[in-house]
Amino acid sequence: MTYVNLDSVPVEVLSSNNEASAWVNYGTSRKVLYGLSGGFFTTKPSIAAWKDAPPPTRQQCADLISTQGTETIPVADDSRFCVKTAADRVAYLVIKRFDRASGTYLADVTVWETPEE
């Protein structure tokens, strides 16, 4: 996981954070997950850590982001996150492990569609 667009089908790995729903900064010893770009050097509070044992529902993730959303969160093996995308979709990321060969985290991703109103 580096820069990912969770609005594309299938999920697309990007070469920069342009259009990225979330991305990991590997530049320091403490790896950090960032949310949606908010403009010049800023991000939006569009990510939240999921700490409960069972995976969340779409609504649980959306509620967590709206009440505890942040711009950045430290990343480690086995971390879990809820993410809001630019198209208002909601995703759940499970960081599996750091892959030394590629120098990136491997993750399982679930992306839910935005419900029709």
PDB file of N, CA and C in Angstrom:
ATOM      1  N   MET A   1       0.840  -1.173   0.000  1.00  0.00           N
ATOM      2  CA  MET A   1       0.000   0.000   0.000  1.00  0.00           C
ATOM      3  C   MET A   1       0.885   1.236   0.000  1.00  0.00           C
ATOM      4  N   THR A   2       0.741   2.059  -0.993  1.00  0.00           N
ATOM      5  CA  THR A   2       1.453   3.326  -1.062  1.00  0.00           C
ATOM      6  C   THR A   2       0.392   4.394  -1.226  1.00  0.00           C
ATOM      7  N   TYR A   3       0.068   4.761  -2.451  1.00  0.00           N
ATOM      8  CA  TYR A   3      -1.024   5.680  -2.753  1.00  0.00           C
ATOM      9  C   TYR A   3      -2.130   4.841  -3.387  1.00  0.00           C
ATOM     10  N   VAL A   4      -3.333   4.866  -2.833  1.00  0.00           N
ATOM     11  CA  VAL A   4      -4.404   4.054  -3.399  1.00  0.00           C
ATOM     12  C   VAL A   4      -5.649   4.884  -3.667  1.00  0.00           C
ATOM     13  N   ASN A   5      -6.263   4.622  -4.812  1.00  0.00           N
ATOM     14  CA  ASN A   5      -7.537   5.225  -5.167  1.00  0.00           C
ATOM     15  C   ASN A   5      -8.608   4.169  -4.926  1.00  0.00           C
ATOM     16  N   LEU A   6      -9.366   4.336  -3.852  1.00  0.00           N
ATOM     17  CA  LEU A   6     -10.394   3.363  -3.487  1.00  0.00           C
ATOM     18  C   LEU A   6     -11.702   3.584  -4.242  1.00  0.00           C
ATOM     19  N   ASP A   7     -11.771   4.636  -5.071  1.00  0.00           N
ATOM     20  CA  ASP A   7     -12.958   4.875  -5.889  1.00  0.00           C
ATOM     21  C   ASP A   7     -12.882   4.161  -7.227  1.00  0.00           C
ATOM     22  N   SER A   8     -11.703   3.729  -7.634  1.00  0.00           N
ATOM     23  CA  SER A   8     -11.582   3.012  -8.898  1.00  0.00           C
ATOM     24  C   SER A   8     -11.921   1.537  -8.688  1.00  0.00           C
ATOM     25  N   VAL A   9     -12.408   0.893  -9.747  1.00  0.00           N
ATOM     26  CA  VAL A   9     -12.745  -0.527  -9.691  1.00  0.00           C
ATOM     27  C   VAL A   9     -11.961  -1.220 -10.799  1.00  0.00           C
ATOM     28  N   PRO A  10     -10.999  -2.079 -10.444  1.00  0.00           N
ATOM     29  CA  PRO A  10     -10.576  -2.419  -9.091  1.00  0.00           C
ATOM     30  C   PRO A  10      -9.789  -1.265  -8.466  1.00  0.00           C
ATOM     31  N   VAL A  11      -9.503  -1.396  -7.179  1.00  0.00           N
ATOM     32  CA  VAL A  11      -8.717  -0.397  -6.466  1.00  0.00           C
ATOM     33  C   VAL A  11      -7.410  -0.192  -7.211  1.00  0.00           C
ATOM     34  N   GLU A  12      -7.010   1.060  -7.357  1.00  0.00           N
ATOM     35  CA  GLU A  12      -5.834   1.386  -8.155  1.00  0.00           C
ATOM     36  C   GLU A  12      -4.701   1.909  -7.271  1.00  0.00           C
ATOM     37  N   VAL A  13      -3.506   1.392  -7.499  1.00  0.00           N
ATOM     38  CA  VAL A  13      -2.306   1.912  -6.845  1.00  0.00           C
ATOM     39  C   VAL A  13      -1.774   3.015  -7.745  1.00  0.00           C
ATOM     40  N   LEU A  14      -1.527   4.182  -7.156  1.00  0.00           N
ATOM     41  CA  LEU A  14      -1.106   5.361  -7.911  1.00  0.00           C
ATOM     42  C   LEU A  14       0.373   5.659  -7.693  1.00  0.00           C
ATOM     43  N   SER A  15       0.929   6.523  -8.531  1.00  0.00           N
ATOM     44  CA  SER A  15       2.336   6.894  -8.393  1.00  0.00           C
ATOM     45  C   SER A  15       2.527   8.132  -7.517  1.00  0.00           C
ATOM     46  N   SER A  16       1.421   8.817  -7.156  1.00  0.00           N
ATOM     47  CA  SER A  16       1.505   9.983  -6.268  1.00  0.00           C
ATOM     48  C   SER A  16       0.213  10.068  -5.458  1.00  0.00           C
ATOM     49  N   ASN A  17       0.142  11.042  -4.547  1.00  0.00           N
ATOM     50  CA  ASN A  17      -1.066  11.146  -3.735  1.00  0.00           C
ATOM     51  C   ASN A  17      -2.188  11.915  -4.433  1.00  0.00           C
ATOM     52  N   ASN A  18      -1.969  12.348  -5.684  1.00  0.00           N
ATOM     53  CA  ASN A  18      -3.047  12.946  -6.479  1.00  0.00           C
ATOM     54  C   ASN A  18      -4.141  11.905  -6.669  1.00  0.00           C
ATOM     55  N   GLU A  19      -5.366  12.216  -6.301  1.00  0.00           N
ATOM     56  CA  GLU A  19      -6.532  11.330  -6.419  1.00  0.00           C
ATOM     57  C   GLU A  19      -6.472  10.127  -5.475  1.00  0.00           C
ATOM     58  N   ALA A  20      -5.558  10.124  -4.522  1.00  0.00           N
ATOM     59  CA  ALA A  20      -5.468   9.004  -3.578  1.00  0.00           C
ATOM     60  C   ALA A  20      -6.516   9.152  -2.485  1.00  0.00           C
ATOM     61  N   SER A  21      -7.193   8.053  -2.160  1.00  0.00           N
ATOM     62  CA  SER A  21      -8.142   8.037  -1.049  1.00  0.00           C
ATOM     63  C   SER A  21      -7.393   7.968   0.271  1.00  0.00           C
ATOM     64  N   ALA A  22      -6.264   7.284   0.249  1.00  0.00           N
ATOM     65  CA  ALA A  22      -5.399   7.149   1.425  1.00  0.00           C
ATOM     66  C   ALA A  22      -4.004   6.818   0.918  1.00  0.00           C
ATOM     67  N   TRP A  23      -3.011   7.144   1.748  1.00  0.00           N
ATOM     68  CA  TRP A  23      -1.633   6.821   1.378  1.00  0.00           C
ATOM     69  C   TRP A  23      -0.760   6.763   2.609  1.00  0.00           C
ATOM     70  N   VAL A  24       0.333   6.004   2.472  1.00  0.00           N
ATOM     71  CA  VAL A  24       1.258   5.822   3.592  1.00  0.00           C
ATOM     72  C   VAL A  24       2.539   6.583   3.301  1.00  0.00           C
ATOM     73  N   ASN A  25       2.995   7.350   4.305  1.00  0.00           N
ATOM     74  CA  ASN A  25       4.284   8.034   4.225  1.00  0.00           C
ATOM     75  C   ASN A  25       5.323   7.103   4.834  1.00  0.00           C
ATOM     76  N   TYR A  26       6.276   6.685   4.017  1.00  0.00           N
ATOM     77  CA  TYR A  26       7.334   5.784   4.471  1.00  0.00           C
ATOM     78  C   TYR A  26       8.620   6.537   4.775  1.00  0.00           C
ATOM     79  N   GLY A  27       8.596   7.869   4.735  1.00  0.00           N
ATOM     80  CA  GLY A  27       9.803   8.673   4.846  1.00  0.00           C
ATOM     81  C   GLY A  27      10.425   8.746   6.228  1.00  0.00           C
ATOM     82  N   THR A  28       9.740   8.281   7.246  1.00  0.00           N
ATOM     83  CA  THR A  28      10.290   8.340   8.599  1.00  0.00           C
ATOM     84  C   THR A  28      10.265   6.950   9.210  1.00  0.00           C
ATOM     85  N   SER A  29      10.858   6.803  10.372  1.00  0.00           N
ATOM     86  CA  SER A  29      10.841   5.494  11.022  1.00  0.00           C
ATOM     87  C   SER A  29       9.423   5.149  11.501  1.00  0.00           C
ATOM     88  N   ARG A  30       8.595   6.159  11.696  1.00  0.00           N
ATOM     89  CA  ARG A  30       7.208   5.943  12.100  1.00  0.00           C
ATOM     90  C   ARG A  30       6.317   6.087  10.868  1.00  0.00           C
ATOM     91  N   LYS A  31       5.802   4.995  10.360  1.00  0.00           N
ATOM     92  CA  LYS A  31       4.976   5.005   9.161  1.00  0.00           C
ATOM     93  C   LYS A  31       3.607   5.591   9.489  1.00  0.00           C
ATOM     94  N   VAL A  32       3.070   6.435   8.589  1.00  0.00           N
ATOM     95  CA  VAL A  32       1.840   7.164   8.858  1.00  0.00           C
ATOM     96  C   VAL A  32       0.883   7.036   7.682  1.00  0.00           C
ATOM     97  N   LEU A  33      -0.398   6.757   7.985  1.00  0.00           N
ATOM     98  CA  LEU A  33      -1.464   6.730   6.988  1.00  0.00           C
ATOM     99  C   LEU A  33      -2.092   8.114   6.921  1.00  0.00           C
ATOM    100  N   TYR A  34      -2.282   8.614   5.706  1.00  0.00           N
ATOM    101  CA  TYR A  34      -2.913   9.914   5.470  1.00  0.00           C
ATOM    102  C   TYR A  34      -4.245   9.704   4.759  1.00  0.00           C
ATOM    103  N   GLY A  35      -5.176  10.628   4.997  1.00  0.00           N
ATOM    104  CA  GLY A  35      -6.481  10.583   4.335  1.00  0.00           C
ATOM    105  C   GLY A  35      -6.481  11.390   3.047  1.00  0.00           C
ATOM    106  N   LEU A  36      -7.684  11.821   2.638  1.00  0.00           N
ATOM    107  CA  LEU A  36      -7.869  12.590   1.406  1.00  0.00           C
ATOM    108  C   LEU A  36      -7.107  13.904   1.443  1.00  0.00           C
ATOM    109  N   SER A  37      -6.615  14.302   0.292  1.00  0.00           N
ATOM    110  CA  SER A  37      -5.945  15.588   0.183  1.00  0.00           C
ATOM    111  C   SER A  37      -6.948  16.711   0.438  1.00  0.00           C
ATOM    112  N   GLY A  38      -6.526  17.684   1.234  1.00  0.00           N
ATOM    113  CA  GLY A  38      -7.383  18.818   1.531  1.00  0.00           C
ATOM    114  C   GLY A  38      -6.880  20.085   0.876  1.00  0.00           C
ATOM    115  N   GLY A  39      -5.874  19.968   0.043  1.00  0.00           N
ATOM    116  CA  GLY A  39      -5.298  21.135  -0.598  1.00  0.00           C
ATOM    117  C   GLY A  39      -3.803  21.168  -0.367  1.00  0.00           C
ATOM    118  N   PHE A  40      -3.223  22.329  -0.455  1.00  0.00           N
ATOM    119  CA  PHE A  40      -1.778  22.512  -0.368  1.00  0.00           C
ATOM    120  C   PHE A  40      -1.248  22.033   0.980  1.00  0.00           C
ATOM    121  N   PHE A  41      -0.564  20.894   0.994  1.00  0.00           N
ATOM    122  CA  PHE A  41       0.061  20.300   2.183  1.00  0.00           C
ATOM    123  C   PHE A  41      -0.924  19.996   3.315  1.00  0.00           C
ATOM    124  N   THR A  42      -2.189  19.758   3.017  1.00  0.00           N
ATOM    125  CA  THR A  42      -3.157  19.414   4.061  1.00  0.00           C
ATOM    126  C   THR A  42      -3.925  18.161   3.652  1.00  0.00           C
ATOM    127  N   THR A  43      -4.498  17.516   4.642  1.00  0.00           N
ATOM    128  CA  THR A  43      -5.379  16.384   4.386  1.00  0.00           C
ATOM    129  C   THR A  43      -6.677  16.615   5.151  1.00  0.00           C
ATOM    130  N   LYS A  44      -7.718  15.898   4.740  1.00  0.00           N
ATOM    131  CA  LYS A  44      -9.010  16.012   5.405  1.00  0.00           C
ATOM    132  C   LYS A  44      -9.114  14.937   6.480  1.00  0.00           C
ATOM    133  N   PRO A  45      -9.920  15.157   7.521  1.00  0.00           N
ATOM    134  CA  PRO A  45     -10.120  14.114   8.545  1.00  0.00           C
ATOM    135  C   PRO A  45     -11.025  13.013   7.999  1.00  0.00           C
ATOM    136  N   SER A  46     -10.458  12.158   7.146  1.00  0.00           N
ATOM    137  CA  SER A  46     -11.243  11.153   6.425  1.00  0.00           C
ATOM    138  C   SER A  46     -10.825   9.720   6.742  1.00  0.00           C
ATOM    139  N   ILE A  47     -10.052   9.533   7.816  1.00  0.00           N
ATOM    140  CA  ILE A  47      -9.641   8.191   8.238  1.00  0.00           C
ATOM    141  C   ILE A  47      -9.851   8.058   9.745  1.00  0.00           C
ATOM    142  N   ALA A  48     -10.054   6.827  10.190  1.00  0.00           N
ATOM    143  CA  ALA A  48     -10.220   6.561  11.625  1.00  0.00           C
ATOM    144  C   ALA A  48      -9.753   5.142  11.907  1.00  0.00           C
ATOM    145  N   ALA A  49      -9.151   4.936  13.064  1.00  0.00           N
ATOM    146  CA  ALA A  49      -8.690   3.603  13.462  1.00  0.00           C
ATOM    147  C   ALA A  49      -9.875   2.784  13.957  1.00  0.00           C
ATOM    148  N   TRP A  50      -9.985   1.528  13.487  1.00  0.00           N
ATOM    149  CA  TRP A  50     -11.014   0.600  13.957  1.00  0.00           C
ATOM    150  C   TRP A  50     -10.357  -0.324  14.965  1.00  0.00           C
ATOM    151  N   LYS A  51     -10.858  -0.336  16.186  1.00  0.00           N
ATOM    152  CA  LYS A  51     -10.206  -1.103  17.259  1.00  0.00           C
ATOM    153  C   LYS A  51     -10.994  -2.313  17.727  1.00  0.00           C
ATOM    154  N   ASP A  52     -12.253  -2.457  17.310  1.00  0.00           N
ATOM    155  CA  ASP A  52     -13.070  -3.588  17.743  1.00  0.00           C
ATOM    156  C   ASP A  52     -12.657  -4.861  17.017  1.00  0.00           C
ATOM    157  N   ALA A  53     -12.971  -5.993  17.617  1.00  0.00           N
ATOM    158  CA  ALA A  53     -12.564  -7.288  17.057  1.00  0.00           C
ATOM    159  C   ALA A  53     -13.290  -7.634  15.757  1.00  0.00           C
ATOM    160  N   PRO A  54     -14.630  -7.629  15.714  1.00  0.00           N
ATOM    161  CA  PRO A  54     -15.238  -7.988  14.430  1.00  0.00           C
ATOM    162  C   PRO A  54     -15.093  -6.839  13.434  1.00  0.00           C
ATOM    163  N   PRO A  55     -15.014  -7.158  12.143  1.00  0.00           N
ATOM    164  CA  PRO A  55     -14.963  -6.090  11.141  1.00  0.00           C
ATOM    165  C   PRO A  55     -16.228  -5.236  11.217  1.00  0.00           C
ATOM    166  N   PRO A  56     -16.111  -3.954  10.866  1.00  0.00           N
ATOM    167  CA  PRO A  56     -17.266  -3.070  10.941  1.00  0.00           C
ATOM    168  C   PRO A  56     -18.204  -3.233   9.751  1.00  0.00           C
ATOM    169  N   THR A  57     -19.398  -2.707   9.912  1.00  0.00           N
ATOM    170  CA  THR A  57     -20.310  -2.559   8.774  1.00  0.00           C
ATOM    171  C   THR A  57     -19.970  -1.232   8.107  1.00  0.00           C
ATOM    172  N   ARG A  58     -20.556  -0.985   6.957  1.00  0.00           N
ATOM    173  CA  ARG A  58     -20.353   0.297   6.293  1.00  0.00           C
ATOM    174  C   ARG A  58     -20.782   1.436   7.211  1.00  0.00           C
ATOM    175  N   GLN A  59     -21.938   1.291   7.844  1.00  0.00           N
ATOM    176  CA  GLN A  59     -22.466   2.356   8.701  1.00  0.00           C
ATOM    177  C   GLN A  59     -21.574   2.598   9.913  1.00  0.00           C
ATOM    178  N   GLN A  60     -21.049   1.532  10.496  1.00  0.00           N
ATOM    179  CA  GLN A  60     -20.147   1.694  11.636  1.00  0.00           C
ATOM    180  C   GLN A  60     -18.894   2.466  11.237  1.00  0.00           C
ATOM    181  N   CYS A  61     -18.355   2.160  10.062  1.00  0.00           N
ATOM    182  CA  CYS A  61     -17.170   2.883   9.584  1.00  0.00           C
ATOM    183  C   CYS A  61     -17.520   4.350   9.315  1.00  0.00           C
ATOM    184  N   ALA A  62     -18.629   4.595   8.652  1.00  0.00           N
ATOM    185  CA  ALA A  62     -19.036   5.975   8.354  1.00  0.00           C
ATOM    186  C   ALA A  62     -19.233   6.769   9.642  1.00  0.00           C
ATOM    187  N   ASP A  63     -19.881   6.154  10.628  1.00  0.00           N
ATOM    188  CA  ASP A  63     -20.104   6.828  11.911  1.00  0.00           C
ATOM    189  C   ASP A  63     -18.778   7.125  12.620  1.00  0.00           C
ATOM    190  N   LEU A  64     -17.853   6.167  12.584  1.00  0.00           N
ATOM    191  CA  LEU A  64     -16.557   6.361  13.228  1.00  0.00           C
ATOM    192  C   LEU A  64     -15.795   7.517  12.585  1.00  0.00           C
ATOM    193  N   ILE A  65     -15.815   7.576  11.264  1.00  0.00           N
ATOM    194  CA  ILE A  65     -15.121   8.664  10.569  1.00  0.00           C
ATOM    195  C   ILE A  65     -15.755  10.009  10.908  1.00  0.00           C
ATOM    196  N   SER A  66     -17.092  10.063  10.958  1.00  0.00           N
ATOM    197  CA  SER A  66     -17.749  11.346  11.230  1.00  0.00           C
ATOM    198  C   SER A  66     -17.542  11.811  12.672  1.00  0.00           C
ATOM    199  N   THR A  67     -17.314  10.888  13.602  1.00  0.00           N
ATOM    200  CA  THR A  67     -17.137  11.284  15.007  1.00  0.00           C
ATOM    201  C   THR A  67     -15.679  11.324  15.458  1.00  0.00           C
ATOM    202  N   GLN A  68     -14.820  10.493  14.820  1.00  0.00           N
ATOM    203  CA  GLN A  68     -13.428  10.411  15.264  1.00  0.00           C
ATOM    204  C   GLN A  68     -12.433  10.499  14.111  1.00  0.00           C
ATOM    205  N   GLY A  69     -12.902  11.013  12.968  1.00  0.00           N
ATOM    206  CA  GLY A  69     -12.033  11.128  11.805  1.00  0.00           C
ATOM    207  C   GLY A  69     -10.831  12.013  12.080  1.00  0.00           C
ATOM    208  N   THR A  70      -9.727  11.656  11.484  1.00  0.00           N
ATOM    209  CA  THR A  70      -8.489  12.396  11.657  1.00  0.00           C
ATOM    210  C   THR A  70      -7.776  12.495  10.315  1.00  0.00           C
ATOM    211  N   GLU A  71      -6.692  13.251  10.290  1.00  0.00           N
ATOM    212  CA  GLU A  71      -5.928  13.433   9.059  1.00  0.00           C
ATOM    213  C   GLU A  71      -4.836  12.388   8.891  1.00  0.00           C
ATOM    214  N   THR A  72      -4.242  11.956  10.012  1.00  0.00           N
ATOM    215  CA  THR A  72      -3.139  10.990   9.968  1.00  0.00           C
ATOM    216  C   THR A  72      -3.246  10.018  11.133  1.00  0.00           C
ATOM    217  N   ILE A  73      -2.751   8.804  10.903  1.00  0.00           N
ATOM    218  CA  ILE A  73      -2.746   7.759  11.932  1.00  0.00           C
ATOM    219  C   ILE A  73      -1.489   6.907  11.736  1.00  0.00           C
ATOM    220  N   PRO A  74      -0.773   6.566  12.817  1.00  0.00           N
ATOM    221  CA  PRO A  74       0.366   5.657  12.682  1.00  0.00           C
ATOM    222  C   PRO A  74      -0.086   4.289  12.141  1.00  0.00           C
ATOM    223  N   VAL A  75       0.774   3.669  11.345  1.00  0.00           N
ATOM    224  CA  VAL A  75       0.492   2.369  10.730  1.00  0.00           C
ATOM    225  C   VAL A  75       1.443   1.324  11.282  1.00  0.00           C
ATOM    226  N   ALA A  76       0.922   0.138  11.521  1.00  0.00           N
ATOM    227  CA  ALA A  76       1.735  -1.006  11.942  1.00  0.00           C
ATOM    228  C   ALA A  76       1.070  -2.270  11.401  1.00  0.00           C
ATOM    229  N   ASP A  77       1.777  -3.377  11.446  1.00  0.00           N
ATOM    230  CA  ASP A  77       1.169  -4.652  11.061  1.00  0.00           C
ATOM    231  C   ASP A  77      -0.109  -4.853  11.870  1.00  0.00           C
ATOM    232  N   ASP A  78      -1.113  -5.400  11.238  1.00  0.00           N
ATOM    233  CA  ASP A  78      -2.403  -5.725  11.854  1.00  0.00           C
ATOM    234  C   ASP A  78      -3.232  -4.497  12.259  1.00  0.00           C
ATOM    235  N   SER A  79      -2.905  -3.284  11.774  1.00  0.00           N
ATOM    236  CA  SER A  79      -3.770  -2.134  12.054  1.00  0.00           C
ATOM    237  C   SER A  79      -4.997  -2.212  11.144  1.00  0.00           C
ATOM    238  N   ARG A  80      -6.068  -1.576  11.614  1.00  0.00           N
ATOM    239  CA  ARG A  80      -7.333  -1.567  10.864  1.00  0.00           C
ATOM    240  C   ARG A  80      -7.876  -0.147  10.823  1.00  0.00           C
ATOM    241  N   PHE A  81      -8.370   0.251   9.641  1.00  0.00           N
ATOM    242  CA  PHE A  81      -8.810   1.624   9.451  1.00  0.00           C
ATOM    243  C   PHE A  81     -10.100   1.712   8.651  1.00  0.00           C
ATOM    244  N   CYS A  82     -10.886   2.730   8.945  1.00  0.00           N
ATOM    245  CA  CYS A  82     -12.023   3.115   8.123  1.00  0.00           C
ATOM    246  C   CYS A  82     -11.589   4.338   7.336  1.00  0.00           C
ATOM    247  N   VAL A  83     -11.989   4.406   6.062  1.00  0.00           N
ATOM    248  CA  VAL A  83     -11.557   5.480   5.172  1.00  0.00           C
ATOM    249  C   VAL A  83     -12.751   5.996   4.386  1.00  0.00           C
ATOM    250  N   LYS A  84     -12.851   7.320   4.257  1.00  0.00           N
ATOM    251  CA  LYS A  84     -13.866   7.936   3.393  1.00  0.00           C
ATOM    252  C   LYS A  84     -13.170   8.376   2.123  1.00  0.00           C
ATOM    253  N   THR A  85     -13.778   8.093   0.969  1.00  0.00           N
ATOM    254  CA  THR A  85     -13.164   8.422  -0.308  1.00  0.00           C
ATOM    255  C   THR A  85     -13.711   9.744  -0.854  1.00  0.00           C
ATOM    256  N   ALA A  86     -13.105  10.217  -1.926  1.00  0.00           N
ATOM    257  CA  ALA A  86     -13.544  11.463  -2.566  1.00  0.00           C
ATOM    258  C   ALA A  86     -14.967  11.352  -3.094  1.00  0.00           C
ATOM    259  N   ALA A  87     -15.405  10.151  -3.473  1.00  0.00           N
ATOM    260  CA  ALA A  87     -16.761   9.935  -3.986  1.00  0.00           C
ATOM    261  C   ALA A  87     -17.727   9.547  -2.865  1.00  0.00           C
ATOM    262  N   ASP A  88     -17.355   9.818  -1.615  1.00  0.00           N
ATOM    263  CA  ASP A  88     -18.174   9.507  -0.435  1.00  0.00           C
ATOM    264  C   ASP A  88     -18.437   8.023  -0.241  1.00  0.00           C
ATOM    265  N   ARG A  89     -17.582   7.185  -0.801  1.00  0.00           N
ATOM    266  CA  ARG A  89     -17.652   5.768  -0.494  1.00  0.00           C
ATOM    267  C   ARG A  89     -16.928   5.555   0.826  1.00  0.00           C
ATOM    268  N   VAL A  90     -17.160   4.421   1.437  1.00  0.00           N
ATOM    269  CA  VAL A  90     -16.505   4.077   2.699  1.00  0.00           C
ATOM    270  C   VAL A  90     -15.738   2.782   2.491  1.00  0.00           C
ATOM    271  N   ALA A  91     -14.542   2.718   3.057  1.00  0.00           N
ATOM    272  CA  ALA A  91     -13.707   1.529   2.917  1.00  0.00           C
ATOM    273  C   ALA A  91     -13.170   1.107   4.272  1.00  0.00           C
ATOM    274  N   TYR A  92     -12.818  -0.162   4.350  1.00  0.00           N
ATOM    275  CA  TYR A  92     -12.213  -0.740   5.549  1.00  0.00           C
ATOM    276  C   TYR A  92     -10.899  -1.366   5.117  1.00  0.00           C
ATOM    277  N   LEU A  93      -9.788  -0.929   5.726  1.00  0.00           N
ATOM    278  CA  LEU A  93      -8.458  -1.446   5.404  1.00  0.00           C
ATOM    279  C   LEU A  93      -7.927  -2.265   6.561  1.00  0.00           C
ATOM    280  N   VAL A  94      -7.406  -3.427   6.244  1.00  0.00           N
ATOM    281  CA  VAL A  94      -6.718  -4.248   7.247  1.00  0.00           C
ATOM    282  C   VAL A  94      -5.270  -4.379   6.773  1.00  0.00           C
ATOM    283  N   ILE A  95      -4.373  -3.736   7.512  1.00  0.00           N
ATOM    284  CA  ILE A  95      -2.950  -3.813   7.165  1.00  0.00           C
ATOM    285  C   ILE A  95      -2.454  -5.189   7.594  1.00  0.00           C
ATOM    286  N   LYS A  96      -1.980  -5.963   6.652  1.00  0.00           N
ATOM    287  CA  LYS A  96      -1.541  -7.329   6.937  1.00  0.00           C
ATOM    288  C   LYS A  96      -0.115  -7.355   7.502  1.00  0.00           C
ATOM    289  N   ARG A  97       0.802  -6.793   6.720  1.00  0.00           N
ATOM    290  CA  ARG A  97       2.192  -6.808   7.159  1.00  0.00           C
ATOM    291  C   ARG A  97       3.005  -5.905   6.254  1.00  0.00           C
ATOM    292  N   PHE A  98       4.201  -5.569   6.719  1.00  0.00           N
ATOM    293  CA  PHE A  98       5.132  -4.798   5.906  1.00  0.00           C
ATOM    294  C   PHE A  98       5.903  -5.771   5.036  1.00  0.00           C
ATOM    295  N   ASP A  99       5.897  -5.545   3.734  1.00  0.00           N
ATOM    296  CA  ASP A  99       6.600  -6.399   2.788  1.00  0.00           C
ATOM    297  C   ASP A  99       7.963  -5.781   2.471  1.00  0.00           C
ATOM    298  N   ARG A 100       9.009  -6.388   2.977  1.00  0.00           N
ATOM    299  CA  ARG A 100      10.351  -5.825   2.803  1.00  0.00           C
ATOM    300  C   ARG A 100      10.777  -5.802   1.334  1.00  0.00           C
ATOM    301  N   ALA A 101      10.349  -6.785   0.545  1.00  0.00           N
ATOM    302  CA  ALA A 101      10.745  -6.846  -0.865  1.00  0.00           C
ATOM    303  C   ALA A 101      10.248  -5.623  -1.639  1.00  0.00           C
ATOM    304  N   SER A 102       9.000  -5.216  -1.414  1.00  0.00           N
ATOM    305  CA  SER A 102       8.451  -4.063  -2.135  1.00  0.00           C
ATOM    306  C   SER A 102       8.596  -2.765  -1.352  1.00  0.00           C
ATOM    307  N   GLY A 103       8.881  -2.882  -0.041  1.00  0.00           N
ATOM    308  CA  GLY A 103       9.013  -1.698   0.799  1.00  0.00           C
ATOM    309  C   GLY A 103       7.684  -1.028   1.102  1.00  0.00           C
ATOM    310  N   THR A 104       6.587  -1.810   1.063  1.00  0.00           N
ATOM    311  CA  THR A 104       5.252  -1.259   1.307  1.00  0.00           C
ATOM    312  C   THR A 104       4.455  -2.199   2.203  1.00  0.00           C
ATOM    313  N   TYR A 105       3.366  -1.672   2.762  1.00  0.00           N
ATOM    314  CA  TYR A 105       2.444  -2.512   3.521  1.00  0.00           C
ATOM    315  C   TYR A 105       1.496  -3.213   2.580  1.00  0.00           C
ATOM    316  N   LEU A 106       1.172  -4.460   2.897  1.00  0.00           N
ATOM    317  CA  LEU A 106       0.155  -5.204   2.173  1.00  0.00           C
ATOM    318  C   LEU A 106      -1.134  -5.099   2.969  1.00  0.00           C
ATOM    319  N   ALA A 107      -2.255  -4.915   2.280  1.00  0.00           N
ATOM    320  CA  ALA A 107      -3.526  -4.714   2.970  1.00  0.00           C
ATOM    321  C   ALA A 107      -4.657  -5.422   2.260  1.00  0.00           C
ATOM    322  N   ASP A 108      -5.652  -5.823   3.037  1.00  0.00           N
ATOM    323  CA  ASP A 108      -6.928  -6.288   2.499  1.00  0.00           C
ATOM    324  C   ASP A 108      -7.872  -5.097   2.557  1.00  0.00           C
ATOM    325  N   VAL A 109      -8.663  -4.916   1.519  1.00  0.00           N
ATOM    326  CA  VAL A 109      -9.531  -3.744   1.434  1.00  0.00           C
ATOM    327  C   VAL A 109     -10.956  -4.161   1.104  1.00  0.00           C
ATOM    328  N   THR A 110     -11.906  -3.580   1.834  1.00  0.00           N
ATOM    329  CA  THR A 110     -13.335  -3.707   1.510  1.00  0.00           C
ATOM    330  C   THR A 110     -13.833  -2.303   1.226  1.00  0.00           C
ATOM    331  N   VAL A 111     -14.490  -2.118   0.074  1.00  0.00           N
ATOM    332  CA  VAL A 111     -15.043  -0.807  -0.289  1.00  0.00           C
ATOM    333  C   VAL A 111     -16.548  -0.972  -0.477  1.00  0.00           C
ATOM    334  N   TRP A 112     -17.307  -0.138   0.232  1.00  0.00           N
ATOM    335  CA  TRP A 112     -18.754  -0.165   0.097  1.00  0.00           C
ATOM    336  C   TRP A 112     -19.213   0.986  -0.795  1.00  0.00           C
ATOM    337  N   GLU A 113     -20.242   0.739  -1.573  1.00  0.00           N
ATOM    338  CA  GLU A 113     -20.847   1.782  -2.395  1.00  0.00           C
ATOM    339  C   GLU A 113     -21.594   2.754  -1.509  1.00  0.00           C
ATOM    340  N   THR A 114     -21.798   3.967  -1.987  1.00  0.00           N
ATOM    341  CA  THR A 114     -22.613   4.954  -1.274  1.00  0.00           C
ATOM    342  C   THR A 114     -24.077   4.553  -1.434  1.00  0.00           C
ATOM    343  N   PRO A 115     -24.827   4.450  -0.325  1.00  0.00           N
ATOM    344  CA  PRO A 115     -26.231   4.045  -0.453  1.00  0.00           C
ATOM    345  C   PRO A 115     -27.047   5.102  -1.204  1.00  0.00           C
ATOM    346  N   GLU A 116     -28.014   4.636  -1.966  1.00  0.00           N
ATOM    347  CA  GLU A 116     -28.931   5.535  -2.663  1.00  0.00           C
ATOM    348  C   GLU A 116     -29.853   6.179  -1.657  1.00  0.00           C
ATOM    349  N   GLU A 117     -30.125   7.454  -1.833  1.00  0.00           N
ATOM    350  CA  GLU A 117     -31.022   8.131  -0.886  1.00  0.00           C
ATOM    351  C   GLU A 117     -32.414   8.239  -1.429  1.00  0.00           C
TER     352      GLU A 117
END
